[in-house]
Amino acid sequence: MFKLKKSVSKLVEEARQHIDNHSAEEAQRRVQEENALLVDIRDIRELQREGVIPGAYHAPRGMLEFWFDPESPYFKQELGEEREYILF
């Protein structure tokens, strides 16, 4: 039987130590004043059902690591710039 070395809750707890949470207003300010990029990680069906934020870049959660990695054949140049990325 496969056993995780760390529980999901432990992985989430560790990840939260490396991220910042922003209000919608703060995210909008960072986009406008600091050139941050909003990255929408929702599934395409969610985009179709709920709509999109104009100017946000769509990067499906399942492809996120591949699209951000410059060594990946799936790398997206828009995600390789020196700037802040705000995922939602």
PDB file of N, CA and C in Angstrom:
ATOM      1  N   MET A   1       0.838  -1.180   0.000  1.00  0.00           N
ATOM      2  CA  MET A   1       0.000   0.000   0.000  1.00  0.00           C
ATOM      3  C   MET A   1       0.887   1.249   0.000  1.00  0.00           C
ATOM      4  N   PHE A   2       0.498   2.216  -0.797  1.00  0.00           N
ATOM      5  CA  PHE A   2       1.217   3.482  -0.890  1.00  0.00           C
ATOM      6  C   PHE A   2       0.889   4.346   0.318  1.00  0.00           C
ATOM      7  N   LYS A   3       1.917   4.903   0.942  1.00  0.00           N
ATOM      8  CA  LYS A   3       1.683   5.779   2.092  1.00  0.00           C
ATOM      9  C   LYS A   3       2.399   7.106   1.852  1.00  0.00           C
ATOM     10  N   LEU A   4       1.662   8.193   2.040  1.00  0.00           N
ATOM     11  CA  LEU A   4       2.235   9.529   1.902  1.00  0.00           C
ATOM     12  C   LEU A   4       3.251   9.776   3.001  1.00  0.00           C
ATOM     13  N   LYS A   5       4.338  10.449   2.668  1.00  0.00           N
ATOM     14  CA  LYS A   5       5.323  10.806   3.678  1.00  0.00           C
ATOM     15  C   LYS A   5       4.808  11.956   4.535  1.00  0.00           C
ATOM     16  N   LYS A   6       3.961  12.817   3.923  1.00  0.00           N
ATOM     17  CA  LYS A   6       3.345  13.921   4.647  1.00  0.00           C
ATOM     18  C   LYS A   6       1.862  13.912   4.338  1.00  0.00           C
ATOM     19  N   SER A   7       1.080  14.262   5.321  1.00  0.00           N
ATOM     20  CA  SER A   7      -0.360  14.344   5.099  1.00  0.00           C
ATOM     21  C   SER A   7      -0.685  15.562   4.247  1.00  0.00           C
ATOM     22  N   VAL A   8      -1.840  15.553   3.630  1.00  0.00           N
ATOM     23  CA  VAL A   8      -2.282  16.690   2.828  1.00  0.00           C
ATOM     24  C   VAL A   8      -2.367  17.929   3.704  1.00  0.00           C
ATOM     25  N   SER A   9      -2.889  17.807   4.912  1.00  0.00           N
ATOM     26  CA  SER A   9      -3.003  18.971   5.790  1.00  0.00           C
ATOM     27  C   SER A   9      -1.624  19.531   6.135  1.00  0.00           C
ATOM     28  N   LYS A  10      -0.626  18.679   6.289  1.00  0.00           N
ATOM     29  CA  LYS A  10       0.741  19.137   6.568  1.00  0.00           C
ATOM     30  C   LYS A  10       1.317  19.858   5.349  1.00  0.00           C
ATOM     31  N   LEU A  11       1.084  19.340   4.158  1.00  0.00           N
ATOM     32  CA  LEU A  11       1.555  19.993   2.939  1.00  0.00           C
ATOM     33  C   LEU A  11       0.908  21.366   2.768  1.00  0.00           C
ATOM     34  N   VAL A  12      -0.387  21.454   3.035  1.00  0.00           N
ATOM     35  CA  VAL A  12      -1.095  22.734   2.930  1.00  0.00           C
ATOM     36  C   VAL A  12      -0.560  23.707   3.976  1.00  0.00           C
ATOM     37  N   GLU A  13      -0.356  23.243   5.181  1.00  0.00           N
ATOM     38  CA  GLU A  13       0.188  24.092   6.249  1.00  0.00           C
ATOM     39  C   GLU A  13       1.559  24.652   5.850  1.00  0.00           C
ATOM     40  N   GLU A  14       2.420  23.818   5.288  1.00  0.00           N
ATOM     41  CA  GLU A  14       3.742  24.266   4.852  1.00  0.00           C
ATOM     42  C   GLU A  14       3.643  25.256   3.694  1.00  0.00           C
ATOM     43  N   ALA A  15       2.747  24.997   2.761  1.00  0.00           N
ATOM     44  CA  ALA A  15       2.584  25.895   1.612  1.00  0.00           C
ATOM     45  C   ALA A  15       2.104  27.265   2.067  1.00  0.00           C
ATOM     46  N   ARG A  16       1.226  27.317   3.032  1.00  0.00           N
ATOM     47  CA  ARG A  16       0.681  28.594   3.511  1.00  0.00           C
ATOM     48  C   ARG A  16       1.754  29.486   4.120  1.00  0.00           C
ATOM     49  N   GLN A  17       2.866  28.920   4.525  1.00  0.00           N
ATOM     50  CA  GLN A  17       3.962  29.715   5.072  1.00  0.00           C
ATOM     51  C   GLN A  17       4.692  30.487   3.977  1.00  0.00           C
ATOM     52  N   HIS A  18       4.437  30.142   2.720  1.00  0.00           N
ATOM     53  CA  HIS A  18       5.159  30.745   1.597  1.00  0.00           C
ATOM     54  C   HIS A  18       4.262  31.566   0.675  1.00  0.00           C
ATOM     55  N   ILE A  19       3.033  31.789   1.075  1.00  0.00           N
ATOM     56  CA  ILE A  19       2.123  32.555   0.224  1.00  0.00           C
ATOM     57  C   ILE A  19       1.538  33.726   0.995  1.00  0.00           C
ATOM     58  N   ASP A  20       1.106  34.708   0.252  1.00  0.00           N
ATOM     59  CA  ASP A  20       0.389  35.839   0.825  1.00  0.00           C
ATOM     60  C   ASP A  20      -1.037  35.791   0.301  1.00  0.00           C
ATOM     61  N   ASN A  21      -1.977  36.106   1.145  1.00  0.00           N
ATOM     62  CA  ASN A  21      -3.369  36.213   0.732  1.00  0.00           C
ATOM     63  C   ASN A  21      -3.714  37.692   0.609  1.00  0.00           C
ATOM     64  N   HIS A  22      -4.368  38.053  -0.489  1.00  0.00           N
ATOM     65  CA  HIS A  22      -4.743  39.438  -0.727  1.00  0.00           C
ATOM     66  C   HIS A  22      -6.250  39.547  -0.890  1.00  0.00           C
ATOM     67  N   SER A  23      -6.780  40.673  -0.475  1.00  0.00           N
ATOM     68  CA  SER A  23      -8.179  40.970  -0.764  1.00  0.00           C
ATOM     69  C   SER A  23      -8.281  41.265  -2.258  1.00  0.00           C
ATOM     70  N   ALA A  24      -9.500  41.274  -2.770  1.00  0.00           N
ATOM     71  CA  ALA A  24      -9.704  41.611  -4.184  1.00  0.00           C
ATOM     72  C   ALA A  24      -9.191  43.012  -4.463  1.00  0.00           C
ATOM     73  N   GLU A  25      -9.406  43.918  -3.529  1.00  0.00           N
ATOM     74  CA  GLU A  25      -8.955  45.302  -3.708  1.00  0.00           C
ATOM     75  C   GLU A  25      -7.434  45.393  -3.753  1.00  0.00           C
ATOM     76  N   GLU A  26      -6.770  44.663  -2.880  1.00  0.00           N
ATOM     77  CA  GLU A  26      -5.305  44.672  -2.863  1.00  0.00           C
ATOM     78  C   GLU A  26      -4.745  44.033  -4.138  1.00  0.00           C
ATOM     79  N   ALA A  27      -5.358  42.956  -4.583  1.00  0.00           N
ATOM     80  CA  ALA A  27      -4.912  42.316  -5.827  1.00  0.00           C
ATOM     81  C   ALA A  27      -5.061  43.286  -6.990  1.00  0.00           C
ATOM     82  N   GLN A  28      -6.169  43.980  -7.059  1.00  0.00           N
ATOM     83  CA  GLN A  28      -6.397  44.954  -8.129  1.00  0.00           C
ATOM     84  C   GLN A  28      -5.358  46.075  -8.072  1.00  0.00           C
ATOM     85  N   ARG A  29      -5.045  46.539  -6.877  1.00  0.00           N
ATOM     86  CA  ARG A  29      -4.030  47.578  -6.723  1.00  0.00           C
ATOM     87  C   ARG A  29      -2.672  47.086  -7.217  1.00  0.00           C
ATOM     88  N   ARG A  30      -2.307  45.868  -6.858  1.00  0.00           N
ATOM     89  CA  ARG A  30      -1.017  45.317  -7.280  1.00  0.00           C
ATOM     90  C   ARG A  30      -0.943  45.165  -8.795  1.00  0.00           C
ATOM     91  N   VAL A  31      -2.049  44.797  -9.412  1.00  0.00           N
ATOM     92  CA  VAL A  31      -2.086  44.688 -10.878  1.00  0.00           C
ATOM     93  C   VAL A  31      -1.890  46.073 -11.494  1.00  0.00           C
ATOM     94  N   GLN A  32      -2.609  47.052 -10.996  1.00  0.00           N
ATOM     95  CA  GLN A  32      -2.572  48.401 -11.566  1.00  0.00           C
ATOM     96  C   GLN A  32      -1.277  49.141 -11.278  1.00  0.00           C
ATOM     97  N   GLU A  33      -0.763  49.011 -10.072  1.00  0.00           N
ATOM     98  CA  GLU A  33       0.383  49.826  -9.660  1.00  0.00           C
ATOM     99  C   GLU A  33       1.727  49.101  -9.719  1.00  0.00           C
ATOM    100  N   GLU A  34       1.704  47.778  -9.648  1.00  0.00           N
ATOM    101  CA  GLU A  34       2.964  47.035  -9.534  1.00  0.00           C
ATOM    102  C   GLU A  34       3.162  46.006 -10.645  1.00  0.00           C
ATOM    103  N   ASN A  35       2.299  46.039 -11.652  1.00  0.00           N
ATOM    104  CA  ASN A  35       2.425  45.135 -12.797  1.00  0.00           C
ATOM    105  C   ASN A  35       2.280  43.652 -12.439  1.00  0.00           C
ATOM    106  N   ALA A  36       1.564  43.353 -11.374  1.00  0.00           N
ATOM    107  CA  ALA A  36       1.297  41.948 -11.042  1.00  0.00           C
ATOM    108  C   ALA A  36       0.368  41.373 -12.112  1.00  0.00           C
ATOM    109  N   LEU A  37       0.395  40.058 -12.264  1.00  0.00           N
ATOM    110  CA  LEU A  37      -0.483  39.391 -13.226  1.00  0.00           C
ATOM    111  C   LEU A  37      -1.428  38.462 -12.487  1.00  0.00           C
ATOM    112  N   LEU A  38      -2.723  38.620 -12.728  1.00  0.00           N
ATOM    113  CA  LEU A  38      -3.709  37.689 -12.178  1.00  0.00           C
ATOM    114  C   LEU A  38      -3.673  36.417 -13.002  1.00  0.00           C
ATOM    115  N   VAL A  39      -3.600  35.279 -12.321  1.00  0.00           N
ATOM    116  CA  VAL A  39      -3.564  33.987 -12.995  1.00  0.00           C
ATOM    117  C   VAL A  39      -4.753  33.177 -12.493  1.00  0.00           C
ATOM    118  N   ASP A  40      -5.688  32.935 -13.398  1.00  0.00           N
ATOM    119  CA  ASP A  40      -6.918  32.210 -13.080  1.00  0.00           C
ATOM    120  C   ASP A  40      -6.653  30.724 -13.259  1.00  0.00           C
ATOM    121  N   ILE A  41      -6.687  29.969 -12.170  1.00  0.00           N
ATOM    122  CA  ILE A  41      -6.349  28.545 -12.232  1.00  0.00           C
ATOM    123  C   ILE A  41      -7.589  27.640 -12.265  1.00  0.00           C
ATOM    124  N   ARG A  42      -8.739  28.242 -12.517  1.00  0.00           N
ATOM    125  CA  ARG A  42      -9.970  27.442 -12.555  1.00  0.00           C
ATOM    126  C   ARG A  42     -10.056  26.610 -13.825  1.00  0.00           C
ATOM    127  N   ASP A  43     -10.838  25.591 -13.766  1.00  0.00           N
ATOM    128  CA  ASP A  43     -11.142  24.721 -14.896  1.00  0.00           C
ATOM    129  C   ASP A  43     -11.919  25.502 -15.954  1.00  0.00           C
ATOM    130  N   ILE A  44     -11.763  25.137 -17.199  1.00  0.00           N
ATOM    131  CA  ILE A  44     -12.443  25.832 -18.299  1.00  0.00           C
ATOM    132  C   ILE A  44     -13.959  25.854 -18.106  1.00  0.00           C
ATOM    133  N   ARG A  45     -14.527  24.795 -17.539  1.00  0.00           N
ATOM    134  CA  ARG A  45     -15.975  24.765 -17.297  1.00  0.00           C
ATOM    135  C   ARG A  45     -16.387  25.815 -16.279  1.00  0.00           C
ATOM    136  N   GLU A  46     -15.528  26.058 -15.282  1.00  0.00           N
ATOM    137  CA  GLU A  46     -15.823  27.109 -14.308  1.00  0.00           C
ATOM    138  C   GLU A  46     -15.779  28.482 -14.967  1.00  0.00           C
ATOM    139  N   LEU A  47     -14.814  28.685 -15.864  1.00  0.00           N
ATOM    140  CA  LEU A  47     -14.735  29.964 -16.575  1.00  0.00           C
ATOM    141  C   LEU A  47     -16.004  30.202 -17.383  1.00  0.00           C
ATOM    142  N   GLN A  48     -16.450  29.169 -18.072  1.00  0.00           N
ATOM    143  CA  GLN A  48     -17.651  29.294 -18.898  1.00  0.00           C
ATOM    144  C   GLN A  48     -18.886  29.558 -18.047  1.00  0.00           C
ATOM    145  N   ARG A  49     -18.956  28.922 -16.904  1.00  0.00           N
ATOM    146  CA  ARG A  49     -20.120  29.050 -16.033  1.00  0.00           C
ATOM    147  C   ARG A  49     -20.113  30.360 -15.242  1.00  0.00           C
ATOM    148  N   GLU A  50     -18.925  30.760 -14.734  1.00  0.00           N
ATOM    149  CA  GLU A  50     -18.854  31.883 -13.800  1.00  0.00           C
ATOM    150  C   GLU A  50     -18.292  33.168 -14.402  1.00  0.00           C
ATOM    151  N   GLY A  51     -17.710  33.076 -15.587  1.00  0.00           N
ATOM    152  CA  GLY A  51     -17.124  34.257 -16.207  1.00  0.00           C
ATOM    153  C   GLY A  51     -15.658  34.424 -15.860  1.00  0.00           C
ATOM    154  N   VAL A  52     -15.064  35.469 -16.421  1.00  0.00           N
ATOM    155  CA  VAL A  52     -13.630  35.706 -16.247  1.00  0.00           C
ATOM    156  C   VAL A  52     -13.384  37.134 -15.764  1.00  0.00           C
ATOM    157  N   ILE A  53     -12.191  37.364 -15.260  1.00  0.00           N
ATOM    158  CA  ILE A  53     -11.753  38.708 -14.913  1.00  0.00           C
ATOM    159  C   ILE A  53     -10.963  39.222 -16.112  1.00  0.00           C
ATOM    160  N   PRO A  54     -11.386  40.337 -16.693  1.00  0.00           N
ATOM    161  CA  PRO A  54     -10.654  40.873 -17.850  1.00  0.00           C
ATOM    162  C   PRO A  54      -9.177  41.103 -17.513  1.00  0.00           C
ATOM    163  N   GLY A  55      -8.315  40.651 -18.419  1.00  0.00           N
ATOM    164  CA  GLY A  55      -6.882  40.823 -18.237  1.00  0.00           C
ATOM    165  C   GLY A  55      -6.202  39.698 -17.487  1.00  0.00           C
ATOM    166  N   ALA A  56      -6.983  38.799 -16.873  1.00  0.00           N
ATOM    167  CA  ALA A  56      -6.379  37.677 -16.160  1.00  0.00           C
ATOM    168  C   ALA A  56      -5.878  36.638 -17.161  1.00  0.00           C
ATOM    169  N   TYR A  57      -4.815  35.947 -16.802  1.00  0.00           N
ATOM    170  CA  TYR A  57      -4.241  34.900 -17.653  1.00  0.00           C
ATOM    171  C   TYR A  57      -4.775  33.558 -17.158  1.00  0.00           C
ATOM    172  N   HIS A  58      -5.319  32.752 -18.057  1.00  0.00           N
ATOM    173  CA  HIS A  58      -5.852  31.453 -17.660  1.00  0.00           C
ATOM    174  C   HIS A  58      -4.769  30.391 -17.733  1.00  0.00           C
ATOM    175  N   ALA A  59      -4.498  29.754 -16.602  1.00  0.00           N
ATOM    176  CA  ALA A  59      -3.542  28.651 -16.516  1.00  0.00           C
ATOM    177  C   ALA A  59      -4.198  27.565 -15.670  1.00  0.00           C
ATOM    178  N   PRO A  60      -4.781  26.554 -16.309  1.00  0.00           N
ATOM    179  CA  PRO A  60      -5.488  25.517 -15.550  1.00  0.00           C
ATOM    180  C   PRO A  60      -4.599  24.894 -14.475  1.00  0.00           C
ATOM    181  N   ARG A  61      -5.154  24.668 -13.324  1.00  0.00           N
ATOM    182  CA  ARG A  61      -4.404  24.139 -12.180  1.00  0.00           C
ATOM    183  C   ARG A  61      -3.578  22.913 -12.555  1.00  0.00           C
ATOM    184  N   GLY A  62      -4.103  22.047 -13.353  1.00  0.00           N
ATOM    185  CA  GLY A  62      -3.395  20.823 -13.714  1.00  0.00           C
ATOM    186  C   GLY A  62      -2.154  21.057 -14.568  1.00  0.00           C
ATOM    187  N   MET A  63      -2.039  22.236 -15.166  1.00  0.00           N
ATOM    188  CA  MET A  63      -0.887  22.547 -16.019  1.00  0.00           C
ATOM    189  C   MET A  63       0.037  23.591 -15.406  1.00  0.00           C
ATOM    190  N   LEU A  64      -0.303  24.091 -14.249  1.00  0.00           N
ATOM    191  CA  LEU A  64       0.393  25.234 -13.658  1.00  0.00           C
ATOM    192  C   LEU A  64       1.908  25.051 -13.583  1.00  0.00           C
ATOM    193  N   GLU A  65       2.361  23.962 -12.991  1.00  0.00           N
ATOM    194  CA  GLU A  65       3.807  23.743 -12.843  1.00  0.00           C
ATOM    195  C   GLU A  65       4.499  23.651 -14.197  1.00  0.00           C
ATOM    196  N   PHE A  66       3.845  23.011 -15.155  1.00  0.00           N
ATOM    197  CA  PHE A  66       4.428  22.858 -16.485  1.00  0.00           C
ATOM    198  C   PHE A  66       4.539  24.208 -17.197  1.00  0.00           C
ATOM    199  N   TRP A  67       3.522  25.036 -17.066  1.00  0.00           N
ATOM    200  CA  TRP A  67       3.503  26.318 -17.757  1.00  0.00           C
ATOM    201  C   TRP A  67       4.475  27.321 -17.143  1.00  0.00           C
ATOM    202  N   PHE A  68       4.778  27.182 -15.850  1.00  0.00           N
ATOM    203  CA  PHE A  68       5.714  28.086 -15.186  1.00  0.00           C
ATOM    204  C   PHE A  68       7.178  27.655 -15.345  1.00  0.00           C
ATOM    205  N   ASP A  69       7.414  26.407 -15.669  1.00  0.00           N
ATOM    206  CA  ASP A  69       8.775  25.864 -15.728  1.00  0.00           C
ATOM    207  C   ASP A  69       9.426  26.136 -17.084  1.00  0.00           C
ATOM    208  N   PRO A  70      10.492  26.969 -17.128  1.00  0.00           N
ATOM    209  CA  PRO A  70      11.138  27.286 -18.403  1.00  0.00           C
ATOM    210  C   PRO A  70      11.733  26.070 -19.113  1.00  0.00           C
ATOM    211  N   GLU A  71      11.976  24.993 -18.396  1.00  0.00           N
ATOM    212  CA  GLU A  71      12.531  23.786 -19.010  1.00  0.00           C
ATOM    213  C   GLU A  71      11.451  22.842 -19.532  1.00  0.00           C
ATOM    214  N   SER A  72      10.214  23.164 -19.277  1.00  0.00           N
ATOM    215  CA  SER A  72       9.109  22.323 -19.727  1.00  0.00           C
ATOM    216  C   SER A  72       8.767  22.633 -21.185  1.00  0.00           C
ATOM    217  N   PRO A  73       8.398  21.615 -21.947  1.00  0.00           N
ATOM    218  CA  PRO A  73       7.963  21.878 -23.321  1.00  0.00           C
ATOM    219  C   PRO A  73       6.645  22.660 -23.362  1.00  0.00           C
ATOM    220  N   TYR A  74       5.962  22.775 -22.230  1.00  0.00           N
ATOM    221  CA  TYR A  74       4.678  23.478 -22.154  1.00  0.00           C
ATOM    222  C   TYR A  74       4.823  24.892 -21.596  1.00  0.00           C
ATOM    223  N   PHE A  75       6.047  25.327 -21.348  1.00  0.00           N
ATOM    224  CA  PHE A  75       6.326  26.644 -20.766  1.00  0.00           C
ATOM    225  C   PHE A  75       5.610  27.750 -21.528  1.00  0.00           C
ATOM    226  N   LYS A  76       5.035  28.688 -20.786  1.00  0.00           N
ATOM    227  CA  LYS A  76       4.363  29.855 -21.356  1.00  0.00           C
ATOM    228  C   LYS A  76       5.179  31.099 -21.008  1.00  0.00           C
ATOM    229  N   GLN A  77       5.610  31.817 -22.008  1.00  0.00           N
ATOM    230  CA  GLN A  77       6.451  33.000 -21.814  1.00  0.00           C
ATOM    231  C   GLN A  77       5.811  34.016 -20.872  1.00  0.00           C
ATOM    232  N   GLU A  78       4.499  34.151 -20.921  1.00  0.00           N
ATOM    233  CA  GLU A  78       3.795  35.106 -20.061  1.00  0.00           C
ATOM    234  C   GLU A  78       3.999  34.793 -18.575  1.00  0.00           C
ATOM    235  N   LEU A  79       4.337  33.548 -18.282  1.00  0.00           N
ATOM    236  CA  LEU A  79       4.518  33.138 -16.892  1.00  0.00           C
ATOM    237  C   LEU A  79       5.991  33.038 -16.516  1.00  0.00           C
ATOM    238  N   GLY A  80       6.855  33.557 -17.359  1.00  0.00           N
ATOM    239  CA  GLY A  80       8.281  33.502 -17.092  1.00  0.00           C
ATOM    240  C   GLY A  80       8.902  34.863 -16.851  1.00  0.00           C
ATOM    241  N   GLU A  81       8.076  35.863 -16.667  1.00  0.00           N
ATOM    242  CA  GLU A  81       8.570  37.222 -16.461  1.00  0.00           C
ATOM    243  C   GLU A  81       8.861  37.471 -14.986  1.00  0.00           C
ATOM    244  N   GLU A  82       9.720  38.449 -14.727  1.00  0.00           N
ATOM    245  CA  GLU A  82      10.014  38.866 -13.350  1.00  0.00           C
ATOM    246  C   GLU A  82       8.903  39.785 -12.891  1.00  0.00           C
ATOM    247  N   ARG A  83       7.900  39.201 -12.259  1.00  0.00           N
ATOM    248  CA  ARG A  83       6.778  39.973 -11.734  1.00  0.00           C
ATOM    249  C   ARG A  83       6.042  39.125 -10.720  1.00  0.00           C
ATOM    250  N   GLU A  84       5.132  39.727 -10.027  1.00  0.00           N
ATOM    251  CA  GLU A  84       4.322  38.991  -9.063  1.00  0.00           C
ATOM    252  C   GLU A  84       3.161  38.346  -9.794  1.00  0.00           C
ATOM    253  N   TYR A  85       2.866  37.107  -9.445  1.00  0.00           N
ATOM    254  CA  TYR A  85       1.735  36.379  -9.999  1.00  0.00           C
ATOM    255  C   TYR A  85       0.744  36.149  -8.877  1.00  0.00           C
ATOM    256  N   ILE A  86      -0.494  36.554  -9.102  1.00  0.00           N
ATOM    257  CA  ILE A  86      -1.541  36.392  -8.107  1.00  0.00           C
ATOM    258  C   ILE A  86      -2.496  35.329  -8.624  1.00  0.00           C
ATOM    259  N   LEU A  87      -2.448  34.151  -8.010  1.00  0.00           N
ATOM    260  CA  LEU A  87      -3.274  33.018  -8.439  1.00  0.00           C
ATOM    261  C   LEU A  87      -4.607  33.054  -7.727  1.00  0.00           C
ATOM    262  N   PHE A  88      -5.656  32.764  -8.494  1.00  0.00           N
ATOM    263  CA  PHE A  88      -6.979  32.665  -7.878  1.00  0.00           C
ATOM    264  C   PHE A  88      -7.780  31.601  -8.587  1.00  0.00           C
TER     265      PHE A  88
END
